[in-house]
Protein backbone atom coordinates (compact mmCIF):
# COMPACT_ATOMS: atom_id res chain seq x y z
CA UNK A 1 61.93 297.65 32.05
CA UNK A 2 64.54 296.46 34.53
CA UNK A 3 68.18 297.07 33.78
CA UNK A 4 70.05 294.28 32.06
CA UNK A 5 72.56 292.67 34.40
CA UNK A 6 76.15 293.83 34.03
CA UNK A 7 78.65 291.19 33.01
CA UNK A 8 82.44 290.94 32.92
CA UNK A 9 84.07 291.90 29.62
CA UNK A 10 85.17 288.28 29.09
CA UNK A 11 81.61 286.96 28.96
CA UNK A 12 79.39 286.95 25.91
CA UNK A 13 76.72 289.64 25.57
CA UNK A 14 73.25 288.81 26.79
CA UNK A 15 70.41 287.97 24.44
CA UNK A 16 67.04 289.30 25.51
CA UNK A 17 64.17 287.32 24.01
CA UNK A 18 60.53 288.43 23.97
CA UNK A 19 58.47 285.24 23.76
CA UNK A 20 54.75 284.82 23.27
CA UNK A 21 53.13 282.75 25.99
CA UNK A 22 51.28 280.44 23.62
CA UNK A 23 53.89 279.20 21.18
CA UNK A 24 57.48 280.36 21.50
CA UNK A 25 57.57 280.17 25.30
CA UNK A 26 56.19 276.66 25.01
CA UNK A 27 58.88 275.99 22.38
CA UNK A 28 61.51 277.10 24.90
CA UNK A 29 59.92 274.82 27.47
CA UNK A 30 59.98 271.96 24.94
CA UNK A 31 63.71 272.54 24.49
CA UNK A 32 64.15 272.30 28.24
CA UNK A 33 62.07 269.15 28.54
CA UNK A 34 64.09 267.55 25.74
CA UNK A 35 67.30 268.65 27.52
CA UNK A 36 68.48 270.52 24.44
CA UNK A 37 71.39 272.79 25.31
CA UNK A 38 70.54 276.46 24.82
CA UNK A 39 72.94 279.37 25.09
CA UNK A 40 73.19 280.37 28.75
CA UNK A 41 73.42 284.05 27.84
CA UNK A 42 69.66 284.12 27.15
CA UNK A 43 67.15 286.07 29.24
CA UNK A 44 63.44 285.66 28.53
CA UNK A 45 60.59 288.13 28.78
CA UNK A 46 57.30 286.24 28.61
CA UNK A 47 54.39 288.13 27.01
CA UNK A 48 50.80 287.17 26.21
CA UNK A 49 51.58 287.90 22.54
CA UNK A 50 54.49 289.30 20.53
CA UNK A 51 52.06 291.92 19.29
CA UNK A 52 52.47 293.49 22.73
CA UNK A 53 56.16 294.28 22.17
CA UNK A 54 56.61 298.03 21.94
CA UNK A 55 59.52 299.71 20.14
CA UNK A 56 60.75 301.18 23.41
CA UNK A 57 61.17 297.67 24.86
CA UNK A 58 63.72 296.84 22.18
CA UNK A 59 65.42 300.23 22.36
CA UNK A 60 65.65 300.03 26.17
CA UNK A 61 67.09 296.52 25.94
CA UNK A 62 69.95 297.73 23.77
CA UNK A 63 70.41 300.90 25.83
CA UNK A 64 70.64 298.74 28.97
CA UNK A 65 73.39 296.56 27.53
CA UNK A 66 71.74 293.66 25.73
CA UNK A 67 73.94 292.36 22.94
CA UNK A 68 71.02 291.03 20.94
CA UNK A 69 67.23 291.04 20.98
CA UNK A 70 64.93 288.31 19.71
CA UNK A 71 61.18 288.49 19.23
CA UNK A 72 59.83 284.96 18.87
CA UNK A 73 56.15 284.37 18.28
CA UNK A 74 53.57 282.00 16.87
CA UNK A 75 53.91 280.99 13.24
CA UNK A 76 51.90 283.12 10.80
CA UNK A 77 48.29 282.01 10.84
CA UNK A 78 48.63 280.40 14.29
CA UNK A 79 48.51 283.49 16.53
CA UNK A 80 46.03 283.07 19.37
CA UNK A 81 45.31 286.80 19.13
CA UNK A 82 44.84 286.57 15.34
CA UNK A 83 47.26 289.27 14.15
CA UNK A 84 49.71 289.71 17.01
CA UNK A 85 52.61 288.13 15.16
CA UNK A 86 51.92 290.34 12.12
CA UNK A 87 51.97 293.39 14.41
CA UNK A 88 55.36 292.23 15.69
CA UNK A 89 56.56 291.79 12.11
CA UNK A 90 55.48 295.36 11.26
CA UNK A 91 57.35 296.52 14.36
CA UNK A 92 60.52 294.82 13.16
CA UNK A 93 60.24 296.44 9.73
CA UNK A 94 60.09 299.81 11.51
CA UNK A 95 62.84 299.03 14.03
CA UNK A 96 65.58 297.62 11.82
CA UNK A 97 66.35 300.90 9.99
CA UNK A 98 66.01 302.85 13.24
CA UNK A 99 68.46 300.59 15.04
CA UNK A 100 70.87 300.91 12.15
CA UNK A 101 70.65 304.71 12.38
CA UNK A 102 71.40 304.43 16.10
CA UNK A 103 74.53 302.40 15.39
CA UNK A 104 73.16 298.98 16.31
CA UNK A 105 74.14 296.31 13.79
CA UNK A 106 70.93 294.95 12.22
CA UNK A 107 72.07 291.37 12.92
CA UNK A 108 71.64 292.06 16.65
CA UNK A 109 67.85 292.11 16.23
CA UNK A 110 65.74 289.26 14.88
CA UNK A 111 62.11 288.25 14.69
CA UNK A 112 61.17 284.65 14.03
CA UNK A 113 58.47 282.05 14.58
CA UNK A 114 58.55 279.03 16.87
CA UNK A 115 55.71 276.57 17.44
CA UNK A 116 54.92 275.13 20.85
CA UNK A 117 56.45 271.74 20.05
CA UNK A 118 59.54 273.01 18.26
CA UNK A 119 62.19 273.04 20.98
CA UNK A 120 64.94 272.24 18.49
CA UNK A 121 64.07 275.27 16.36
CA UNK A 122 64.00 277.50 19.44
CA UNK A 123 67.47 276.33 20.48
CA UNK A 124 68.81 276.78 16.94
CA UNK A 125 67.55 280.38 16.70
CA UNK A 126 69.11 281.27 20.06
CA UNK A 127 72.39 279.57 19.17
CA UNK A 128 72.46 281.34 15.79
CA UNK A 129 72.04 284.69 17.54
CA UNK A 130 74.80 283.84 20.03
CA UNK A 131 77.14 282.93 17.15
CA UNK A 132 76.35 286.21 15.37
CA UNK A 133 77.06 288.16 18.55
CA UNK A 134 80.38 286.36 19.07
CA UNK A 135 81.40 287.25 15.48
CA UNK A 136 80.37 290.88 15.97
CA UNK A 137 82.44 291.05 19.17
CA UNK A 138 85.57 290.21 17.14
CA UNK A 139 84.92 292.75 14.40
CA UNK A 140 85.98 296.37 15.02
CA UNK A 141 83.09 298.83 15.15
CA UNK A 142 84.54 300.97 12.34
């Protein structure tokens, strides 16, 4: 995975989002078509399915400087690869405690579902993550 771009201390941390090609990426596109403002600190990795996200992708994102990581996929029951979103959900259940043990606040990682037509929901999830990251920036690590 490529290194996350470095940013000045005054800027907000980047959010790296893994999006499935079929639903959540289309949801992001719907937000763009509707001209819904989305946090500019977002970087997208487009995948055929969220079931293809490997634990090392998330770990490398944080190790490379991402402030937060999102996995956004098809709603349960709507996955084009049948169980890909459930595989991603199992991954998140495994990763959350691991990230916590590594000192990454669990709020910095989120999995959620976005349909192809739900641009507003996509924007809200990204903005919620950005707000969480801004709050975490103000709180001392100890």
